[in-house]
Amino acid sequence: MRLSKNIFLTFTIGFLILALSACDLSSTNENPNQATDTGLNNLLPHSQVNLAYGLGGDISQYNAVMMQQMAGTNREHQNVGRYNFSNTRAGDVWNSNLYGGSMNDLNLIINRANENEAWHHRGVAKILMANALGNVVALWNDVPFSEAFQGADNTRPVYDDAEELYDVVQTLLTDGKADLQRDVSPANVLGSADIVYGGDLDLWELAANALSARFHNHRSKIDPQGSAQNVLNALDQGTFSETAENMNLNFGTEDQQANPWYNHKISTFEDNTRLGEFFVDLLISIDDPRLPFYAAENSDGEFVGQEAGVSGSSGISNLGPYYNTPEAPVHFITYTEVKFLEAEANYRLGNFQEAAEAMNDAIISSLMKVTGDADSDYVAEQASEDAASIQNGGFERLMTHKYVALFLQPETFSDWRRSGIPELSPATDNVTGGVIPRRWPYAQGELNANSANVPSVSLTDRVWWDTQ
């Protein structure tokens, strides 16, 4: 959905509120009464922008560095690239964008919507909360939820079991869809307060089913068959049929309305990241037409990536125009990802023809979205999987194509942990004994204020679904 000028006004106001309030956030438990004068129509876009800036900003950047799509070439990104990932750095997104930001606002919406019978606001908030919580658990494993958002009434919330929280994610999605089907008064219609879908409830239901499939798919290592069937069951309830239905947050053409990657690149920290050597070499090796959209040529007219863990940005390709423009969207979940989910689930169930067809659709949709060219020879060559070829070694190709198509999307970190694809070599200079991290560190604020409940873990410890 494209944003109207009126929606952008709300967006800009919401972003200014975000920028001002983020300075004061330092705890998982923000006071649930701190914004009692803020209406649902202000809280909703504020929460959507904040979540987009979390998932599409720091989470995207640090995951992309660890997954070697990007390289950390300076300062904090260089540290993350060497797996010296600090609790303070992780705490920035935990406090500002997640618990102290979007999730706190979403909790407020859910509670206030009960009082106002604003069921559609509550339904959307539950779907967004499910996406936020699912991503949080995928990064940190056990986290607070049942006792979170209580402010001074409980400053030391328990950390809930990660596996049980995945069930909470599915419940939120189911309940959110049910709320969308309820009648509301004209005063409680979503309309332009929803800057993701403009109040289109049907698209929100499609997005909820897509998210349900994604988080079922995370269980692939512990329940390959059951999780695959659950993925297909979720998609069978109805989901995206084209890229126009993607769950995105679109941004404006001005710097103050820009997406987080563009803002990173126009900041004083823009030399913190460059394209990763592994990713650039992969795209060159398969003559991928998305390369000039994902990456920019260096001063010699070449595409060059930086080795993982090595500092310095001179002569290394910067981010290309697909994301490095103000209006580039943050993708919450897309049609392309849905088709890859369908392909993987069918592959694990032995439905190789269905897997091949879904994989081809995924590749075509990504190429069309990124390059705008649906008729190139490359499309015909790459989207030519058949049942026999995918049965015989096609899974690595499937997951590699997904890694390329979901460039800079946080899900690539979960996919790599589930599949081991692509096969990445650890950064040359690292502090983990040559082991790529498999989780994020807990926020420093939590270690300071809630140490009795924070699990003792290292970056190389695995989340619950990431079995050996």
Protein backbone atom coordinates (compact mmCIF):
# COMPACT_ATOMS: atom_id res chain seq x y z
CA MET A 1 0.00 0.00 0.00
CA ARG A 2 1.25 3.47 -0.86
CA LEU A 3 1.04 6.10 1.80
CA SER A 4 -1.03 9.23 1.31
CA LYS A 5 0.16 12.69 2.32
CA ASN A 6 -2.12 12.48 5.35
CA ILE A 7 -0.59 9.20 6.39
CA PHE A 8 2.89 10.63 5.97
CA LEU A 9 1.92 13.48 8.29
CA THR A 10 0.99 10.93 10.92
CA PHE A 11 4.17 9.00 10.11
CA THR A 12 6.37 12.06 10.61
CA ILE A 13 4.71 12.99 13.89
CA GLY A 14 5.03 9.41 15.07
CA PHE A 15 8.70 9.30 14.16
CA LEU A 16 9.38 12.53 16.02
CA ILE A 17 7.68 11.08 19.09
CA LEU A 18 9.84 7.97 18.69
CA ALA A 19 13.03 9.99 18.45
CA LEU A 20 12.21 11.97 21.57
CA SER A 21 10.96 9.12 23.71
CA ALA A 22 13.70 6.62 22.83
CA CYS A 23 16.23 8.64 24.82
CA ASP A 24 14.47 7.79 28.07
CA LEU A 25 13.90 4.08 27.63
CA SER A 26 16.09 1.74 29.62
CA SER A 27 13.94 -1.07 30.94
CA THR A 28 11.93 -4.01 29.71
CA ASN A 29 9.03 -2.80 31.85
CA GLU A 30 7.79 0.60 30.74
CA ASN A 31 4.93 2.11 32.69
CA PRO A 32 1.70 1.05 30.92
CA ASN A 33 0.08 4.33 31.94
CA GLN A 34 2.83 6.55 30.57
CA ALA A 35 0.86 7.50 27.45
CA THR A 36 -2.71 7.56 28.72
CA ASP A 37 -3.43 10.71 26.74
CA THR A 38 -2.29 9.16 23.47
CA GLY A 39 -5.10 7.71 21.36
CA LEU A 40 -5.09 4.43 19.49
CA ASN A 41 -4.77 6.20 16.16
CA ASN A 42 -1.49 7.73 17.32
CA LEU A 43 -0.16 4.64 19.07
CA LEU A 44 -0.72 2.32 16.10
CA PRO A 45 1.44 4.11 13.49
CA HIS A 46 4.00 4.88 16.20
CA SER A 47 4.29 1.18 17.03
CA GLN A 48 4.47 0.20 13.35
CA VAL A 49 7.30 2.63 12.61
CA ASN A 50 9.17 1.64 15.77
CA LEU A 51 8.94 -2.06 14.94
CA ALA A 52 10.07 -1.37 11.37
CA TYR A 53 13.05 0.58 12.68
CA GLY A 54 13.96 -2.31 14.99
CA LEU A 55 13.63 -5.13 12.46
CA GLY A 56 14.81 -3.10 9.47
CA GLY A 57 17.50 -1.16 11.33
CA ASP A 58 19.84 -2.61 13.95
CA ILE A 59 18.48 -6.17 13.72
CA SER A 60 18.81 -6.15 9.94
CA GLN A 61 22.29 -4.62 10.12
CA TYR A 62 23.79 -6.91 12.75
CA ASN A 63 22.20 -10.07 11.33
CA ALA A 64 23.39 -9.15 7.83
CA VAL A 65 26.94 -8.66 9.13
CA MET A 66 26.94 -12.02 10.92
CA MET A 67 25.43 -13.68 7.83
CA GLN A 68 28.10 -12.02 5.64
CA GLN A 69 25.66 -10.29 3.31
CA MET A 70 27.25 -7.14 4.69
CA ALA A 71 30.63 -6.60 6.34
CA GLY A 72 31.21 -4.65 9.52
CA THR A 73 34.01 -2.32 8.45
CA ASN A 74 34.19 0.13 11.34
CA ARG A 75 33.10 0.83 14.94
CA GLU A 76 30.26 -1.24 16.44
CA HIS A 77 29.49 -3.09 13.21
CA GLN A 78 33.12 -4.15 12.98
CA ASN A 79 32.86 -5.52 16.52
CA VAL A 80 29.72 -7.46 15.60
CA GLY A 81 31.50 -8.76 12.50
CA ARG A 82 34.20 -10.15 14.79
CA TYR A 83 31.51 -11.58 17.09
CA ASN A 84 32.37 -9.12 19.84
CA PHE A 85 28.65 -8.37 20.11
CA SER A 86 28.10 -6.31 23.26
CA ASN A 87 25.15 -6.44 25.65
CA THR A 88 24.95 -2.66 25.41
CA ARG A 89 24.60 -2.76 21.63
CA ALA A 90 21.88 -5.40 21.78
CA GLY A 91 20.18 -3.39 24.51
CA ASP A 92 19.68 -0.41 22.20
CA VAL A 93 17.17 -2.24 20.03
CA TRP A 94 15.71 -4.18 22.99
CA ASN A 95 14.94 -0.98 24.87
CA SER A 96 14.20 1.54 22.15
CA ASN A 97 12.51 -0.42 19.38
CA LEU A 98 11.16 -3.57 21.00
CA TYR A 99 10.23 -3.82 24.69
CA GLY A 100 10.47 -0.13 25.48
CA GLY A 101 9.09 0.87 22.08
CA SER A 102 6.79 -1.02 19.72
CA MET A 103 5.88 -3.90 22.04
CA ASN A 104 4.99 -1.55 24.88
CA ASP A 105 2.80 0.48 22.52
CA LEU A 106 1.17 -2.66 21.12
CA ASN A 107 0.40 -3.83 24.64
CA LEU A 108 -1.22 -0.45 25.33
CA ILE A 109 -3.31 -0.75 22.17
CA ILE A 110 -4.49 -4.25 23.05
CA ASN A 111 -5.55 -3.17 26.55
CA ARG A 112 -7.19 0.10 25.50
CA ALA A 113 -8.96 -1.46 22.58
CA ASN A 114 -10.78 -3.73 25.03
CA GLU A 115 -12.21 -0.67 26.76
CA ASN A 116 -13.13 1.10 23.51
CA GLU A 117 -14.32 -1.98 21.60
CA ALA A 118 -11.82 -1.05 18.89
CA TRP A 119 -11.50 -4.67 17.79
CA HIS A 120 -9.72 -3.97 14.51
CA HIS A 121 -7.01 -1.96 16.26
CA ARG A 122 -6.64 -4.82 18.73
CA GLY A 123 -6.48 -7.42 15.96
CA VAL A 124 -3.74 -5.60 14.10
CA ALA A 125 -1.86 -4.99 17.34
CA LYS A 126 -1.97 -8.71 18.16
CA ILE A 127 -0.62 -9.62 14.72
CA LEU A 128 2.17 -7.08 15.06
CA MET A 129 2.90 -8.28 18.60
CA ALA A 130 3.13 -11.85 17.31
CA ASN A 131 5.68 -10.78 14.73
CA ALA A 132 7.66 -8.79 17.29
CA LEU A 133 7.61 -11.59 19.87
CA GLY A 134 8.51 -14.27 17.34
CA ASN A 135 11.53 -12.29 16.21
CA VAL A 136 12.56 -11.54 19.80
CA VAL A 137 12.45 -15.22 20.78
CA ALA A 138 14.31 -16.21 17.61
CA LEU A 139 17.13 -13.84 18.62
CA TRP A 140 17.23 -14.27 22.41
CA ASN A 141 15.34 -17.51 23.25
CA ASP A 142 13.79 -17.16 26.76
CA VAL A 143 12.47 -13.61 27.20
CA PRO A 144 9.92 -11.77 29.38
CA PHE A 145 6.34 -11.64 28.18
CA SER A 146 3.78 -12.87 30.73
CA GLU A 147 5.09 -10.37 33.31
CA ALA A 148 6.37 -7.69 30.92
CA PHE A 149 4.91 -4.18 30.49
CA GLN A 150 3.89 -3.81 34.15
CA GLY A 151 6.02 -0.78 34.93
CA ALA A 152 6.84 -0.13 38.57
CA ASP A 153 4.48 -2.93 39.63
CA ASN A 154 7.04 -5.49 38.45
CA THR A 155 10.52 -4.32 37.55
CA ARG A 156 11.94 -7.86 37.50
CA PRO A 157 9.76 -9.93 35.15
CA VAL A 158 10.36 -13.64 34.79
CA TYR A 159 11.80 -14.96 31.55
CA ASP A 160 9.24 -17.23 29.90
CA ASP A 161 10.11 -20.50 28.21
CA ALA A 162 10.94 -19.90 24.55
CA GLU A 163 9.08 -22.94 23.21
CA GLU A 164 5.93 -21.90 25.06
CA LEU A 165 6.27 -18.39 23.65
CA TYR A 166 6.13 -19.81 20.13
CA ASP A 167 2.68 -21.13 21.07
CA VAL A 168 1.81 -17.63 22.32
CA VAL A 169 2.83 -16.26 18.91
CA GLN A 170 0.38 -18.59 17.16
CA THR A 171 -2.38 -17.73 19.64
CA LEU A 172 -1.84 -14.01 19.06
CA LEU A 173 -2.15 -14.54 15.32
CA THR A 174 -5.34 -16.60 15.65
CA ASP A 175 -6.92 -14.16 18.09
CA GLY A 176 -5.85 -11.21 15.97
CA LYS A 177 -7.62 -12.61 12.92
CA ALA A 178 -10.75 -13.21 14.99
CA ASP A 179 -10.73 -9.58 16.11
CA LEU A 180 -10.52 -8.40 12.51
CA GLN A 181 -13.79 -10.21 11.75
CA ARG A 182 -15.74 -8.39 14.46
CA ASP A 183 -17.95 -5.38 13.76
CA VAL A 184 -16.81 -1.98 14.99
CA SER A 185 -18.39 1.43 15.14
CA PRO A 186 -17.47 4.03 12.47
CA ALA A 187 -15.34 5.80 15.08
CA ASN A 188 -13.15 2.68 15.42
CA VAL A 189 -12.44 2.00 11.75
CA LEU A 190 -8.69 1.70 11.16
CA GLY A 191 -8.31 3.81 8.05
CA SER A 192 -5.15 5.87 7.68
CA ALA A 193 -4.00 5.12 11.23
CA ASP A 194 -2.73 1.84 9.77
CA ILE A 195 0.33 2.80 7.71
CA VAL A 196 1.05 -0.79 6.66
CA TYR A 197 -2.17 -1.73 4.88
CA GLY A 198 -4.30 1.42 5.14
CA GLY A 199 -6.95 -0.42 7.12
CA ASP A 200 -7.38 -3.31 4.66
CA LEU A 201 -8.46 -6.12 6.99
CA ASP A 202 -8.29 -8.81 4.31
CA LEU A 203 -4.60 -8.12 3.77
CA TRP A 204 -3.96 -8.28 7.51
CA GLU A 205 -5.50 -11.77 7.59
CA LEU A 206 -3.27 -12.87 4.71
CA ALA A 207 -0.25 -11.47 6.55
CA ALA A 208 -1.22 -13.27 9.77
CA ASN A 209 -1.34 -16.60 7.94
CA ALA A 210 2.05 -15.89 6.34
CA LEU A 211 3.58 -15.12 9.75
CA SER A 212 2.02 -18.26 11.19
CA ALA A 213 3.73 -20.31 8.48
CA ARG A 214 7.09 -18.63 9.14
CA PHE A 215 7.10 -19.37 12.85
CA HIS A 216 5.89 -22.94 12.32
CA ASN A 217 8.81 -23.34 9.92
CA HIS A 218 11.29 -22.43 12.67
CA ARG A 219 10.57 -25.86 14.17
CA SER A 220 11.99 -27.66 11.14
CA LYS A 221 14.98 -29.17 12.96
CA ILE A 222 12.98 -30.59 15.86
CA ASP A 223 9.86 -31.68 13.93
CA PRO A 224 10.59 -31.79 10.19
CA GLN A 225 7.36 -33.43 9.09
CA GLY A 226 4.95 -31.87 11.56
CA SER A 227 6.29 -28.35 11.09
CA ALA A 228 6.13 -28.71 7.31
CA GLN A 229 2.49 -29.75 7.44
CA ASN A 230 1.70 -26.88 9.80
CA VAL A 231 3.33 -24.46 7.36
CA LEU A 232 1.11 -25.68 4.54
CA ASN A 233 -1.97 -25.65 6.78
CA ALA A 234 -1.32 -22.02 7.64
CA LEU A 235 -0.83 -21.07 3.99
CA ASP A 236 -3.96 -22.98 3.00
CA GLN A 237 -6.00 -20.59 5.13
CA GLY A 238 -5.18 -17.92 2.58
CA THR A 239 -2.09 -15.79 2.10
CA PHE A 240 -0.28 -13.56 -0.38
CA SER A 241 -0.75 -14.26 -4.07
CA GLU A 242 1.42 -11.38 -5.38
CA THR A 243 4.10 -8.98 -4.22
CA ALA A 244 1.60 -6.10 -4.06
CA GLU A 245 0.21 -7.78 -0.93
CA ASN A 246 3.55 -7.81 0.93
CA MET A 247 3.48 -6.78 4.57
CA ASN A 248 5.75 -3.75 4.22
CA LEU A 249 6.20 -0.41 5.86
CA ASN A 250 6.81 2.03 3.03
CA PHE A 251 8.79 5.18 3.58
CA GLY A 252 8.82 8.63 2.04
CA THR A 253 11.17 10.38 -0.37
CA GLU A 254 12.48 12.91 2.14
CA ASP A 255 15.33 12.25 4.55
CA GLN A 256 13.08 12.73 7.61
CA GLN A 257 10.73 10.04 6.25
CA ALA A 258 13.44 7.65 5.10
CA ASN A 259 13.96 3.95 5.78
CA PRO A 260 16.52 2.89 8.41
CA TRP A 261 19.21 1.65 6.02
CA TYR A 262 19.18 4.93 4.11
CA ASN A 263 19.35 6.87 7.37
CA HIS A 264 22.32 4.73 8.40
CA LYS A 265 24.03 5.49 5.12
CA ILE A 266 23.60 9.27 5.34
CA SER A 267 24.78 9.35 8.96
CA THR A 268 28.29 9.82 10.27
CA PHE A 269 28.42 6.04 10.73
CA GLU A 270 27.85 5.20 7.05
CA ASP A 271 31.32 3.66 6.70
CA ASN A 272 30.45 1.08 9.38
CA THR A 273 29.08 -1.30 6.75
CA ARG A 274 29.90 -2.37 3.21
CA LEU A 275 28.91 -5.34 1.11
CA GLY A 276 30.25 -8.69 2.29
CA GLU A 277 32.78 -10.58 0.20
CA PHE A 278 30.91 -13.88 0.46
CA PHE A 279 27.65 -12.34 -0.74
CA VAL A 280 29.16 -10.36 -3.62
CA ASP A 281 31.21 -13.35 -4.81
CA LEU A 282 28.12 -15.57 -4.64
CA LEU A 283 26.10 -13.21 -6.83
CA ILE A 284 28.98 -12.83 -9.30
CA SER A 285 29.39 -16.61 -9.50
CA ILE A 286 25.76 -17.07 -10.57
CA ASP A 287 25.69 -13.91 -12.73
CA ASP A 288 22.79 -12.63 -10.65
CA PRO A 289 21.11 -9.51 -12.10
CA ARG A 290 20.18 -8.34 -8.60
CA LEU A 291 23.82 -7.48 -7.83
CA PRO A 292 23.73 -3.85 -9.12
CA PHE A 293 20.52 -3.29 -7.17
CA TYR A 294 21.84 -4.76 -3.94
CA ALA A 295 25.36 -3.28 -4.27
CA ALA A 296 26.98 -0.17 -5.74
CA GLU A 297 30.07 -0.23 -7.93
CA ASN A 298 33.28 1.04 -6.37
CA SER A 299 35.29 3.87 -7.92
CA ASP A 300 36.82 1.41 -10.41
CA GLY A 301 33.42 0.30 -11.64
CA GLU A 302 33.66 -3.06 -9.90
CA PHE A 303 31.63 -4.93 -7.32
CA VAL A 304 33.90 -5.85 -4.42
CA GLY A 305 32.97 -7.19 -1.00
CA GLN A 306 34.93 -6.98 2.24
CA GLU A 307 36.17 -10.11 3.98
CA ALA A 308 34.28 -10.96 7.15
CA GLY A 309 35.97 -9.57 10.25
CA VAL A 310 38.31 -7.26 8.33
CA SER A 311 38.11 -3.51 8.85
CA GLY A 312 38.24 -0.83 6.18
CA SER A 313 35.81 0.35 3.52
CA SER A 314 38.15 1.75 0.87
CA GLY A 315 37.42 0.21 -2.53
CA ILE A 316 34.57 -1.87 -1.13
CA SER A 317 31.09 -1.69 -2.64
CA ASN A 318 28.52 0.29 -0.72
CA LEU A 319 24.85 -0.59 -0.41
CA GLY A 320 22.99 -0.38 -3.69
CA PRO A 321 19.77 1.45 -4.65
CA TYR A 322 17.27 -1.28 -3.75
CA TYR A 323 17.64 -0.40 -0.06
CA ASN A 324 19.81 2.73 -0.16
CA THR A 325 17.02 5.10 -1.17
CA PRO A 326 14.72 7.00 1.22
CA GLU A 327 11.53 5.30 0.06
CA ALA A 328 12.78 1.71 0.22
CA PRO A 329 10.42 -0.38 2.38
CA VAL A 330 11.04 -2.51 5.42
CA HIS A 331 9.68 -5.97 4.65
CA PHE A 332 7.89 -7.61 7.59
CA ILE A 333 7.03 -10.64 5.41
CA THR A 334 6.65 -11.00 1.67
CA TYR A 335 5.10 -13.08 -1.09
CA THR A 336 8.61 -14.22 -2.01
CA GLU A 337 9.22 -15.57 1.49
CA VAL A 338 5.83 -17.27 1.47
CA LYS A 339 6.68 -19.13 -1.74
CA PHE A 340 10.01 -20.23 -0.27
CA LEU A 341 8.17 -21.45 2.84
CA GLU A 342 5.80 -23.40 0.63
CA ALA A 343 8.70 -24.86 -1.34
CA GLU A 344 10.64 -25.94 1.74
CA ALA A 345 7.61 -27.48 3.44
CA ASN A 346 6.74 -29.48 0.34
CA TYR A 347 10.35 -30.58 -0.03
CA ARG A 348 10.40 -31.95 3.50
CA LEU A 349 7.13 -33.79 2.87
CA GLY A 350 8.41 -35.35 -0.36
CA ASN A 351 6.11 -33.31 -2.59
CA PHE A 352 8.86 -32.48 -5.04
CA GLN A 353 6.76 -31.20 -7.92
CA GLU A 354 4.94 -28.76 -5.64
CA ALA A 355 8.26 -27.75 -4.11
CA ALA A 356 9.75 -27.05 -7.53
CA GLU A 357 6.79 -24.94 -8.65
CA ALA A 358 6.80 -22.86 -5.46
CA MET A 359 10.57 -22.36 -5.64
CA ASN A 360 10.31 -21.15 -9.23
CA ASP A 361 7.57 -18.70 -8.23
CA ALA A 362 9.73 -17.43 -5.36
CA ILE A 363 12.73 -16.81 -7.62
CA ILE A 364 10.65 -15.07 -10.28
CA SER A 365 8.90 -12.85 -7.75
CA SER A 366 12.21 -11.73 -6.23
CA LEU A 367 13.82 -11.01 -9.59
CA MET A 368 10.77 -9.04 -10.70
CA LYS A 369 10.58 -7.07 -7.47
CA VAL A 370 14.26 -6.17 -7.37
CA THR A 371 15.10 -5.70 -11.06
CA GLY A 372 11.72 -5.10 -12.67
CA ASP A 373 12.65 -7.58 -15.44
CA ALA A 374 10.49 -10.69 -15.62
CA ASP A 375 11.53 -11.77 -19.12
CA SER A 376 15.29 -12.09 -18.95
CA ASP A 377 17.14 -15.25 -19.88
CA TYR A 378 18.33 -15.41 -16.29
CA VAL A 379 14.76 -15.73 -15.04
CA ALA A 380 14.13 -18.61 -17.41
CA GLU A 381 17.40 -20.26 -16.43
CA GLN A 382 17.06 -19.91 -12.66
CA ALA A 383 13.32 -20.54 -12.38
CA SER A 384 13.53 -23.91 -14.08
CA GLU A 385 13.53 -26.32 -11.16
CA ASP A 386 11.62 -29.56 -11.69
CA ALA A 387 10.64 -32.38 -9.38
CA ALA A 388 13.64 -34.56 -10.24
CA SER A 389 16.26 -31.86 -9.81
CA ILE A 390 14.90 -30.57 -6.51
CA GLN A 391 14.70 -34.11 -5.19
CA ASN A 392 18.37 -34.63 -6.03
CA GLY A 393 20.25 -31.87 -4.25
CA GLY A 394 17.74 -29.10 -4.76
CA PHE A 395 17.42 -28.15 -1.10
CA GLU A 396 20.78 -26.37 -0.99
CA ARG A 397 19.85 -24.44 -4.11
CA LEU A 398 16.48 -23.57 -2.60
CA MET A 399 17.94 -22.18 0.61
CA THR A 400 20.74 -20.37 -1.24
CA HIS A 401 18.22 -18.61 -3.44
CA LYS A 402 16.22 -17.68 -0.35
CA TYR A 403 19.38 -16.24 1.24
CA VAL A 404 19.83 -14.04 -1.82
CA ALA A 405 16.17 -13.07 -2.18
CA LEU A 406 15.79 -12.13 1.51
CA PHE A 407 18.81 -9.81 1.40
CA LEU A 408 19.01 -7.77 4.63
CA GLN A 409 15.89 -9.35 6.10
CA PRO A 410 16.32 -10.69 9.66
CA GLU A 411 14.91 -14.09 8.71
CA THR A 412 18.18 -15.07 6.99
CA PHE A 413 19.76 -15.60 10.44
CA SER A 414 17.02 -18.06 11.40
CA ASP A 415 17.28 -19.83 8.05
CA TRP A 416 21.03 -20.29 8.38
CA ARG A 417 20.70 -21.69 11.89
CA ARG A 418 18.01 -24.12 10.73
CA SER A 419 19.67 -25.31 7.53
CA GLY A 420 23.38 -24.49 7.69
CA ILE A 421 22.96 -22.95 4.24
CA PRO A 422 24.90 -21.14 2.95
CA GLU A 423 28.06 -22.65 4.37
CA LEU A 424 29.82 -19.67 5.92
CA SER A 425 33.40 -19.58 7.17
CA PRO A 426 33.83 -17.72 10.48
CA ALA A 427 35.26 -14.23 10.41
CA THR A 428 39.05 -14.18 10.19
CA ASP A 429 39.46 -12.16 13.37
CA ASN A 430 36.92 -13.29 15.97
CA VAL A 431 36.50 -13.67 19.72
CA THR A 432 34.38 -16.84 19.82
CA GLY A 433 36.99 -19.44 18.96
CA GLY A 434 35.94 -19.57 15.31
CA VAL A 435 32.24 -20.20 15.95
CA ILE A 436 29.64 -17.98 14.30
CA PRO A 437 27.13 -16.67 16.88
CA ARG A 438 23.79 -18.44 17.05
CA ARG A 439 21.91 -15.89 19.15
CA TRP A 440 22.00 -12.29 20.40
CA PRO A 441 23.33 -11.25 23.83
CA TYR A 442 20.85 -10.05 26.44
CA ALA A 443 20.46 -6.32 27.03
CA GLN A 444 22.87 -4.77 29.52
CA GLY A 445 19.98 -3.02 31.26
CA GLU A 446 18.40 -6.38 31.96
CA LEU A 447 21.66 -7.79 33.32
CA ASN A 448 21.88 -4.80 35.63
CA ALA A 449 18.28 -4.64 36.84
CA ASN A 450 16.96 -8.19 36.48
CA SER A 451 20.02 -10.41 36.77
CA ALA A 452 18.27 -13.08 38.84
CA ASN A 453 15.97 -13.88 35.91
CA VAL A 454 18.25 -13.38 32.92
CA PRO A 455 19.62 -16.72 31.65
CA SER A 456 23.39 -17.11 31.63
CA VAL A 457 24.34 -17.77 28.00
CA SER A 458 27.03 -17.11 25.42
CA LEU A 459 26.69 -16.02 21.81
CA THR A 460 27.37 -19.56 20.64
CA ASP A 461 24.60 -21.16 22.74
CA ARG A 462 21.61 -22.24 20.67
CA VAL A 463 17.97 -21.21 20.88
CA TRP A 464 15.50 -23.99 21.61
CA TRP A 465 14.71 -24.98 18.01
CA ASP A 466 18.35 -24.82 16.86
CA THR A 467 19.38 -28.35 17.78
CA GLN A 468 22.78 -29.83 17.00
